[in-house]
Amino acid sequence: MFELMGILALVFVGVIVFGVVALVAGLLKLVLKIALIPLALLFKGLGLLLGALVVLLVAGPLVLGIGLVILIPLLLIGGVVWAGFALVT
C-alpha cells in the first residue's frame, strides 16, 4: 500500500514540476515575443524599404525606356502636325 502511495506521490510531483516548467516556458515565450516586437518591426520595415528600392531600381529604368519609346514618336507626330498647321494657316 505504501509503495502505491509513494508511486502516486512521485507522479503528482512530476505532474506539478512539469506544469511549473510548462508555465515558466510559456511565460518566457510570451515575454520574449513581446520584447522582440520592435526588432521584428524593424526587420519588416527594412524588408519593405529594400523591396521598394528594388522595385524603383528595376521599374524606374523600364518605365523611362517605355516612356521614351512612346514619347519620341508622339513628339515627331506633334511636330509634323504643328508644321502642317503652320503651313496651312
PDB file of N, CA and C in Angstrom:
ATOM      1  N   MET A   1       0.811  -1.184   0.000  1.00  0.00           N
ATOM      2  CA  MET A   1       0.000   0.000   0.000  1.00  0.00           C
ATOM      3  C   MET A   1       0.865   1.264   0.000  1.00  0.00           C
ATOM      4  N   PHE A   2       1.927   1.227   0.835  1.00  0.00           N
ATOM      5  CA  PHE A   2       2.806   2.391   0.883  1.00  0.00           C
ATOM      6  C   PHE A   2       3.549   2.580  -0.437  1.00  0.00           C
ATOM      7  N   GLU A   3       3.825   1.448  -1.111  1.00  0.00           N
ATOM      8  CA  GLU A   3       4.507   1.553  -2.394  1.00  0.00           C
ATOM      9  C   GLU A   3       3.623   2.284  -3.404  1.00  0.00           C
ATOM     10  N   LEU A   4       2.335   1.970  -3.410  1.00  0.00           N
ATOM     11  CA  LEU A   4       1.389   2.608  -4.322  1.00  0.00           C
ATOM     12  C   LEU A   4       1.269   4.100  -4.012  1.00  0.00           C
ATOM     13  N   MET A   5       1.229   4.434  -2.725  1.00  0.00           N
ATOM     14  CA  MET A   5       1.160   5.848  -2.343  1.00  0.00           C
ATOM     15  C   MET A   5       2.447   6.579  -2.728  1.00  0.00           C
ATOM     16  N   GLY A   6       3.574   5.903  -2.602  1.00  0.00           N
ATOM     17  CA  GLY A   6       4.846   6.500  -2.998  1.00  0.00           C
ATOM     18  C   GLY A   6       4.901   6.748  -4.503  1.00  0.00           C
ATOM     19  N   ILE A   7       4.403   5.776  -5.280  1.00  0.00           N
ATOM     20  CA  ILE A   7       4.383   5.941  -6.740  1.00  0.00           C
ATOM     21  C   ILE A   7       3.445   7.081  -7.128  1.00  0.00           C
ATOM     22  N   LEU A   8       2.268   7.132  -6.509  1.00  0.00           N
ATOM     23  CA  LEU A   8       1.336   8.217  -6.794  1.00  0.00           C
ATOM     24  C   LEU A   8       1.909   9.575  -6.387  1.00  0.00           C
ATOM     25  N   ALA A   9       2.627   9.614  -5.269  1.00  0.00           N
ATOM     26  CA  ALA A   9       3.257  10.871  -4.840  1.00  0.00           C
ATOM     27  C   ALA A   9       4.298  11.314  -5.863  1.00  0.00           C
ATOM     28  N   LEU A  10       5.081  10.362  -6.371  1.00  0.00           N
ATOM     29  CA  LEU A  10       6.073  10.706  -7.402  1.00  0.00           C
ATOM     30  C   LEU A  10       5.398  11.199  -8.677  1.00  0.00           C
ATOM     31  N   VAL A  11       4.293  10.566  -9.044  1.00  0.00           N
ATOM     32  CA  VAL A  11       3.560  11.001 -10.240  1.00  0.00           C
ATOM     33  C   VAL A  11       3.018  12.414 -10.044  1.00  0.00           C
ATOM     34  N   PHE A  12       2.440  12.680  -8.863  1.00  0.00           N
ATOM     35  CA  PHE A  12       1.903  14.007  -8.602  1.00  0.00           C
ATOM     36  C   PHE A  12       3.009  15.063  -8.597  1.00  0.00           C
ATOM     37  N   VAL A  13       4.145  14.733  -8.007  1.00  0.00           N
ATOM     38  CA  VAL A  13       5.276  15.677  -8.005  1.00  0.00           C
ATOM     39  C   VAL A  13       5.763  15.914  -9.427  1.00  0.00           C
ATOM     40  N   GLY A  14       5.809  14.852 -10.226  1.00  0.00           N
ATOM     41  CA  GLY A  14       6.227  15.001 -11.622  1.00  0.00           C
ATOM     42  C   GLY A  14       5.273  15.874 -12.409  1.00  0.00           C
ATOM     43  N   VAL A  15       3.969  15.675 -12.165  1.00  0.00           N
ATOM     44  CA  VAL A  15       2.968  16.497 -12.853  1.00  0.00           C
ATOM     45  C   VAL A  15       3.104  17.955 -12.445  1.00  0.00           C
ATOM     46  N   ILE A  16       3.300  18.197 -11.181  1.00  0.00           N
ATOM     47  CA  ILE A  16       3.444  19.577 -10.697  1.00  0.00           C
ATOM     48  C   ILE A  16       4.711  20.211 -11.267  1.00  0.00           C
ATOM     49  N   VAL A  17       5.815  19.471 -11.249  1.00  0.00           N
ATOM     50  CA  VAL A  17       7.070  20.009 -11.806  1.00  0.00           C
ATOM     51  C   VAL A  17       6.907  20.276 -13.298  1.00  0.00           C
ATOM     52  N   PHE A  18       6.288  19.331 -14.022  1.00  0.00           N
ATOM     53  CA  PHE A  18       6.071  19.525 -15.452  1.00  0.00           C
ATOM     54  C   PHE A  18       5.184  20.737 -15.709  1.00  0.00           C
ATOM     55  N   GLY A  19       4.138  20.914 -14.915  1.00  0.00           N
ATOM     56  CA  GLY A  19       3.249  22.066 -15.060  1.00  0.00           C
ATOM     57  C   GLY A  19       3.965  23.373 -14.805  1.00  0.00           C
ATOM     58  N   VAL A  20       4.804  23.396 -13.775  1.00  0.00           N
ATOM     59  CA  VAL A  20       5.557  24.620 -13.467  1.00  0.00           C
ATOM     60  C   VAL A  20       6.530  24.939 -14.593  1.00  0.00           C
ATOM     61  N   VAL A  21       7.224  23.920 -15.089  1.00  0.00           N
ATOM     62  CA  VAL A  21       8.169  24.140 -16.196  1.00  0.00           C
ATOM     63  C   VAL A  21       7.434  24.626 -17.438  1.00  0.00           C
ATOM     64  N   ALA A  22       6.268  24.029 -17.735  1.00  0.00           N
ATOM     65  CA  ALA A  22       5.487  24.457 -18.892  1.00  0.00           C
ATOM     66  C   ALA A  22       4.989  25.886 -18.712  1.00  0.00           C
ATOM     67  N   LEU A  23       4.565  26.239 -17.517  1.00  0.00           N
ATOM     68  CA  LEU A  23       4.106  27.598 -17.244  1.00  0.00           C
ATOM     69  C   LEU A  23       5.241  28.603 -17.399  1.00  0.00           C
ATOM     70  N   VAL A  24       6.408  28.286 -16.836  1.00  0.00           N
ATOM     71  CA  VAL A  24       7.563  29.186 -16.960  1.00  0.00           C
ATOM     72  C   VAL A  24       7.976  29.312 -18.419  1.00  0.00           C
ATOM     73  N   ALA A  25       7.963  28.210 -19.171  1.00  0.00           N
ATOM     74  CA  ALA A  25       8.332  28.269 -20.592  1.00  0.00           C
ATOM     75  C   ALA A  25       7.330  29.113 -21.371  1.00  0.00           C
ATOM     76  N   GLY A  26       6.054  28.974 -21.069  1.00  0.00           N
ATOM     77  CA  GLY A  26       5.036  29.787 -21.737  1.00  0.00           C
ATOM     78  C   GLY A  26       5.196  31.256 -21.431  1.00  0.00           C
ATOM     79  N   LEU A  27       5.446  31.589 -20.180  1.00  0.00           N
ATOM     80  CA  LEU A  27       5.665  32.990 -19.811  1.00  0.00           C
ATOM     81  C   LEU A  27       6.928  33.546 -20.453  1.00  0.00           C
ATOM     82  N   LEU A  28       7.985  32.735 -20.489  1.00  0.00           N
ATOM     83  CA  LEU A  28       9.228  33.167 -21.126  1.00  0.00           C
ATOM     84  C   LEU A  28       9.018  33.400 -22.621  1.00  0.00           C
ATOM     85  N   LYS A  29       8.250  32.525 -23.249  1.00  0.00           N
ATOM     86  CA  LYS A  29       7.948  32.695 -24.663  1.00  0.00           C
ATOM     87  C   LYS A  29       7.172  33.989 -24.894  1.00  0.00           C
ATOM     88  N   LEU A  30       6.191  34.268 -24.045  1.00  0.00           N
ATOM     89  CA  LEU A  30       5.404  35.486 -24.166  1.00  0.00           C
ATOM     90  C   LEU A  30       6.268  36.724 -23.951  1.00  0.00           C
ATOM     91  N   VAL A  31       7.124  36.684 -22.927  1.00  0.00           N
ATOM     92  CA  VAL A  31       7.983  37.832 -22.628  1.00  0.00           C
ATOM     93  C   VAL A  31       8.957  38.079 -23.780  1.00  0.00           C
ATOM     94  N   LEU A  32       9.551  37.017 -24.324  1.00  0.00           N
ATOM     95  CA  LEU A  32      10.483  37.194 -25.437  1.00  0.00           C
ATOM     96  C   LEU A  32       9.762  37.684 -26.684  1.00  0.00           C
ATOM     97  N   LYS A  33       8.544  37.191 -26.905  1.00  0.00           N
ATOM     98  CA  LYS A  33       7.793  37.628 -28.078  1.00  0.00           C
ATOM     99  C   LYS A  33       7.471  39.113 -27.969  1.00  0.00           C
ATOM    100  N   ILE A  34       7.056  39.548 -26.788  1.00  0.00           N
ATOM    101  CA  ILE A  34       6.735  40.966 -26.591  1.00  0.00           C
ATOM    102  C   ILE A  34       8.004  41.810 -26.667  1.00  0.00           C
ATOM    103  N   ALA A  35       9.103  41.300 -26.119  1.00  0.00           N
ATOM    104  CA  ALA A  35      10.348  42.062 -26.113  1.00  0.00           C
ATOM    105  C   ALA A  35      10.940  42.169 -27.514  1.00  0.00           C
ATOM    106  N   LEU A  36      10.663  41.211 -28.381  1.00  0.00           N
ATOM    107  CA  LEU A  36      11.250  41.219 -29.725  1.00  0.00           C
ATOM    108  C   LEU A  36      10.345  41.845 -30.772  1.00  0.00           C
ATOM    109  N   ILE A  37       9.203  42.388 -30.369  1.00  0.00           N
ATOM    110  CA  ILE A  37       8.305  43.037 -31.330  1.00  0.00           C
ATOM    111  C   ILE A  37       9.008  44.203 -32.039  1.00  0.00           C
ATOM    112  N   PRO A  38       9.715  45.092 -31.335  1.00  0.00           N
ATOM    113  CA  PRO A  38      10.381  46.180 -32.064  1.00  0.00           C
ATOM    114  C   PRO A  38      11.414  45.666 -33.071  1.00  0.00           C
ATOM    115  N   LEU A  39      12.115  44.611 -32.705  1.00  0.00           N
ATOM    116  CA  LEU A  39      13.097  44.053 -33.634  1.00  0.00           C
ATOM    117  C   LEU A  39      12.413  43.456 -34.856  1.00  0.00           C
ATOM    118  N   ALA A  40      11.295  42.783 -34.649  1.00  0.00           N
ATOM    119  CA  ALA A  40      10.552  42.211 -35.773  1.00  0.00           C
ATOM    120  C   ALA A  40      10.013  43.320 -36.669  1.00  0.00           C
ATOM    121  N   LEU A  41       9.517  44.399 -36.069  1.00  0.00           N
ATOM    122  CA  LEU A  41       9.023  45.520 -36.865  1.00  0.00           C
ATOM    123  C   LEU A  41      10.158  46.184 -37.634  1.00  0.00           C
ATOM    124  N   LEU A  42      11.335  46.252 -37.025  1.00  0.00           N
ATOM    125  CA  LEU A  42      12.491  46.821 -37.716  1.00  0.00           C
ATOM    126  C   LEU A  42      12.848  45.992 -38.946  1.00  0.00           C
ATOM    127  N   PHE A  43      12.887  44.668 -38.777  1.00  0.00           N
ATOM    128  CA  PHE A  43      13.209  43.811 -39.916  1.00  0.00           C
ATOM    129  C   PHE A  43      12.139  43.895 -40.988  1.00  0.00           C
ATOM    130  N   LYS A  44      10.874  44.002 -40.578  1.00  0.00           N
ATOM    131  CA  LYS A  44       9.793  44.119 -41.551  1.00  0.00           C
ATOM    132  C   LYS A  44       9.924  45.439 -42.309  1.00  0.00           C
ATOM    133  N   GLY A  45      10.233  46.506 -41.593  1.00  0.00           N
ATOM    134  CA  GLY A  45      10.420  47.805 -42.241  1.00  0.00           C
ATOM    135  C   GLY A  45      11.600  47.806 -43.190  1.00  0.00           C
ATOM    136  N   LEU A  46      12.691  47.168 -42.763  1.00  0.00           N
ATOM    137  CA  LEU A  46      13.854  47.077 -43.657  1.00  0.00           C
ATOM    138  C   LEU A  46      13.528  46.263 -44.903  1.00  0.00           C
ATOM    139  N   GLY A  47      12.727  45.220 -44.726  1.00  0.00           N
ATOM    140  CA  GLY A  47      12.325  44.415 -45.880  1.00  0.00           C
ATOM    141  C   GLY A  47      11.473  45.213 -46.849  1.00  0.00           C
ATOM    142  N   LEU A  48      10.543  46.000 -46.310  1.00  0.00           N
ATOM    143  CA  LEU A  48       9.710  46.833 -47.174  1.00  0.00           C
ATOM    144  C   LEU A  48      10.537  47.894 -47.884  1.00  0.00           C
ATOM    145  N   LEU A  49      11.483  48.494 -47.167  1.00  0.00           N
ATOM    146  CA  LEU A  49      12.348  49.501 -47.771  1.00  0.00           C
ATOM    147  C   LEU A  49      13.202  48.892 -48.873  1.00  0.00           C
ATOM    148  N   LEU A  50      13.765  47.733 -48.606  1.00  0.00           N
ATOM    149  CA  LEU A  50      14.575  47.055 -49.615  1.00  0.00           C
ATOM    150  C   LEU A  50      13.729  46.667 -50.826  1.00  0.00           C
ATOM    151  N   GLY A  51      12.523  46.195 -50.580  1.00  0.00           N
ATOM    152  CA  GLY A  51      11.621  45.857 -51.683  1.00  0.00           C
ATOM    153  C   GLY A  51      11.273  47.073 -52.516  1.00  0.00           C
ATOM    154  N   ALA A  52      11.004  48.202 -51.852  1.00  0.00           N
ATOM    155  CA  ALA A  52      10.686  49.431 -52.587  1.00  0.00           C
ATOM    156  C   ALA A  52      11.872  49.887 -53.425  1.00  0.00           C
ATOM    157  N   LEU A  53      13.078  49.785 -52.869  1.00  0.00           N
ATOM    158  CA  LEU A  53      14.262  50.172 -53.634  1.00  0.00           C
ATOM    159  C   LEU A  53      14.469  49.271 -54.844  1.00  0.00           C
ATOM    160  N   VAL A  54      14.254  47.985 -54.664  1.00  0.00           N
ATOM    161  CA  VAL A  54      14.397  47.056 -55.792  1.00  0.00           C
ATOM    162  C   VAL A  54      13.364  47.370 -56.860  1.00  0.00           C
ATOM    163  N   VAL A  55      12.138  47.654 -56.446  1.00  0.00           N
ATOM    164  CA  VAL A  55      11.096  47.995 -57.424  1.00  0.00           C
ATOM    165  C   VAL A  55      11.466  49.279 -58.164  1.00  0.00           C
ATOM    166  N   LEU A  56      11.959  50.265 -57.438  1.00  0.00           N
ATOM    167  CA  LEU A  56      12.346  51.512 -58.098  1.00  0.00           C
ATOM    168  C   LEU A  56      13.527  51.314 -59.038  1.00  0.00           C
ATOM    169  N   LEU A  57      14.488  50.519 -58.613  1.00  0.00           N
ATOM    170  CA  LEU A  57      15.666  50.315 -59.458  1.00  0.00           C
ATOM    171  C   LEU A  57      15.353  49.470 -60.687  1.00  0.00           C
ATOM    172  N   VAL A  58      14.369  48.597 -60.578  1.00  0.00           N
ATOM    173  CA  VAL A  58      14.002  47.766 -61.724  1.00  0.00           C
ATOM    174  C   VAL A  58      12.951  48.464 -62.580  1.00  0.00           C
ATOM    175  N   ALA A  59      11.918  49.011 -61.937  1.00  0.00           N
ATOM    176  CA  ALA A  59      10.811  49.584 -62.688  1.00  0.00           C
ATOM    177  C   ALA A  59      11.136  50.985 -63.206  1.00  0.00           C
ATOM    178  N   GLY A  60      12.002  51.717 -62.526  1.00  0.00           N
ATOM    179  CA  GLY A  60      12.322  53.079 -62.951  1.00  0.00           C
ATOM    180  C   GLY A  60      12.907  53.138 -64.357  1.00  0.00           C
ATOM    181  N   PRO A  61      14.008  52.449 -64.611  1.00  0.00           N
ATOM    182  CA  PRO A  61      14.560  52.466 -65.977  1.00  0.00           C
ATOM    183  C   PRO A  61      13.612  51.855 -67.008  1.00  0.00           C
ATOM    184  N   LEU A  62      12.833  50.868 -66.589  1.00  0.00           N
ATOM    185  CA  LEU A  62      11.879  50.247 -67.510  1.00  0.00           C
ATOM    186  C   LEU A  62      10.802  51.251 -67.925  1.00  0.00           C
ATOM    187  N   VAL A  63      10.258  51.979 -66.952  1.00  0.00           N
ATOM    188  CA  VAL A  63       9.246  52.991 -67.260  1.00  0.00           C
ATOM    189  C   VAL A  63       9.857  54.120 -68.085  1.00  0.00           C
ATOM    190  N   LEU A  64      11.085  54.509 -67.775  1.00  0.00           N
ATOM    191  CA  LEU A  64      11.764  55.552 -68.541  1.00  0.00           C
ATOM    192  C   LEU A  64      11.955  55.113 -69.992  1.00  0.00           C
ATOM    193  N   GLY A  65      12.386  53.882 -70.190  1.00  0.00           N
ATOM    194  CA  GLY A  65      12.580  53.380 -71.554  1.00  0.00           C
ATOM    195  C   GLY A  65      11.273  53.298 -72.319  1.00  0.00           C
ATOM    196  N   ILE A  66      10.240  52.798 -71.675  1.00  0.00           N
ATOM    197  CA  ILE A  66       8.932  52.722 -72.345  1.00  0.00           C
ATOM    198  C   ILE A  66       8.421  54.131 -72.643  1.00  0.00           C
ATOM    199  N   GLY A  67       8.626  55.045 -71.710  1.00  0.00           N
ATOM    200  CA  GLY A  67       8.198  56.430 -71.936  1.00  0.00           C
ATOM    201  C   GLY A  67       8.914  57.059 -73.106  1.00  0.00           C
ATOM    202  N   LEU A  68      10.214  56.815 -73.218  1.00  0.00           N
ATOM    203  CA  LEU A  68      10.961  57.365 -74.352  1.00  0.00           C
ATOM    204  C   LEU A  68      10.508  56.746 -75.664  1.00  0.00           C
ATOM    205  N   VAL A  69      10.236  55.452 -75.642  1.00  0.00           N
ATOM    206  CA  VAL A  69       9.784  54.785 -76.860  1.00  0.00           C
ATOM    207  C   VAL A  69       8.438  55.344 -77.311  1.00  0.00           C
ATOM    208  N   ILE A  70       7.594  55.683 -76.357  1.00  0.00           N
ATOM    209  CA  ILE A  70       6.278  56.237 -76.700  1.00  0.00           C
ATOM    210  C   ILE A  70       6.368  57.740 -76.983  1.00  0.00           C
ATOM    211  N   LEU A  71       7.190  58.440 -76.232  1.00  0.00           N
ATOM    212  CA  LEU A  71       7.233  59.900 -76.315  1.00  0.00           C
ATOM    213  C   LEU A  71       7.871  60.404 -77.602  1.00  0.00           C
ATOM    214  N   ILE A  72       8.941  59.785 -78.029  1.00  0.00           N
ATOM    215  CA  ILE A  72       9.665  60.294 -79.221  1.00  0.00           C
ATOM    216  C   ILE A  72       8.781  60.244 -80.467  1.00  0.00           C
ATOM    217  N   PRO A  73       8.093  59.165 -80.770  1.00  0.00           N
ATOM    218  CA  PRO A  73       7.192  59.208 -81.941  1.00  0.00           C
ATOM    219  C   PRO A  73       6.052  60.215 -81.785  1.00  0.00           C
ATOM    220  N   LEU A  74       5.551  60.358 -80.555  1.00  0.00           N
ATOM    221  CA  LEU A  74       4.494  61.343 -80.344  1.00  0.00           C
ATOM    222  C   LEU A  74       5.012  62.763 -80.584  1.00  0.00           C
ATOM    223  N   LEU A  75       6.229  63.038 -80.153  1.00  0.00           N
ATOM    224  CA  LEU A  75       6.818  64.358 -80.413  1.00  0.00           C
ATOM    225  C   LEU A  75       7.010  64.591 -81.905  1.00  0.00           C
ATOM    226  N   LEU A  76       7.460  63.560 -82.601  1.00  0.00           N
ATOM    227  CA  LEU A  76       7.639  63.696 -84.052  1.00  0.00           C
ATOM    228  C   LEU A  76       6.302  63.933 -84.744  1.00  0.00           C
ATOM    229  N   ILE A  77       5.293  63.184 -84.359  1.00  0.00           N
ATOM    230  CA  ILE A  77       3.969  63.366 -84.956  1.00  0.00           C
ATOM    231  C   ILE A  77       3.421  64.755 -84.618  1.00  0.00           C
ATOM    232  N   GLY A  78       3.619  65.178 -83.368  1.00  0.00           N
ATOM    233  CA  GLY A  78       3.165  66.507 -82.962  1.00  0.00           C
ATOM    234  C   GLY A  78       3.867  67.598 -83.738  1.00  0.00           C
ATOM    235  N   GLY A  79       5.165  67.434 -83.960  1.00  0.00           N
ATOM    236  CA  GLY A  79       5.908  68.423 -84.751  1.00  0.00           C
ATOM    237  C   GLY A  79       5.430  68.475 -86.189  1.00  0.00           C
ATOM    238  N   VAL A  80       5.146  67.320 -86.762  1.00  0.00           N
ATOM    239  CA  VAL A  80       4.649  67.282 -88.146  1.00  0.00           C
ATOM    240  C   VAL A  80       3.278  67.950 -88.232  1.00  0.00           C
ATOM    241  N   VAL A  81       2.408  67.651 -87.243  1.00  0.00           N
ATOM    242  CA  VAL A  81       1.079  68.273 -87.231  1.00  0.00           C
ATOM    243  C   VAL A  81       1.207  69.783 -87.066  1.00  0.00           C
ATOM    244  N   TRP A  82       2.089  70.203 -86.177  1.00  0.00           N
ATOM    245  CA  TRP A  82       2.272  71.646 -85.946  1.00  0.00           C
ATOM    246  C   TRP A  82       2.813  72.319 -87.210  1.00  0.00           C
ATOM    247  N   ALA A  83       3.764  71.676 -87.857  1.00  0.00           N
ATOM    248  CA  ALA A  83       4.320  72.252 -89.089  1.00  0.00           C
ATOM    249  C   ALA A  83       3.255  72.321 -90.171  1.00  0.00           C
ATOM    250  N   GLY A  84       2.451  71.277 -90.274  1.00  0.00           N
ATOM    251  CA  GLY A  84       1.385  71.291 -91.268  1.00  0.00           C
ATOM    252  C   GLY A  84       0.357  72.354 -90.969  1.00  0.00           C
ATOM    253  N   PHE A  85       0.016  72.517 -89.684  1.00  0.00           N
ATOM    254  CA  PHE A  85      -0.954  73.548 -89.312  1.00  0.00           C
ATOM    255  C   PHE A  85      -0.381  74.939 -89.585  1.00  0.00           C
ATOM    256  N   ALA A  86       0.921  75.120 -89.306  1.00  0.00           N
ATOM    257  CA  ALA A  86       1.559  76.421 -89.550  1.00  0.00           C
ATOM    258  C   ALA A  86       1.650  76.697 -91.045  1.00  0.00           C
ATOM    259  N   LEU A  87       1.835  75.649 -91.852  1.00  0.00           N
ATOM    260  CA  LEU A  87       1.939  75.814 -93.291  1.00  0.00           C
ATOM    261  C   LEU A  87       0.590  76.200 -93.893  1.00  0.00           C
ATOM    262  N   VAL A  88      -0.472  75.632 -93.373  1.00  0.00           N
ATOM    263  CA  VAL A  88      -1.819  75.887 -93.901  1.00  0.00           C
ATOM    264  C   VAL A  88      -2.313  77.264 -93.489  1.00  0.00           C
ATOM    265  N   THR A  89      -2.008  77.683 -92.259  1.00  0.00           N
ATOM    266  CA  THR A  89      -2.552  78.971 -91.797  1.00  0.00           C
ATOM    267  C   THR A  89      -1.670  80.074 -92.114  1.00  0.00           C
TER     268      THR A  89
END
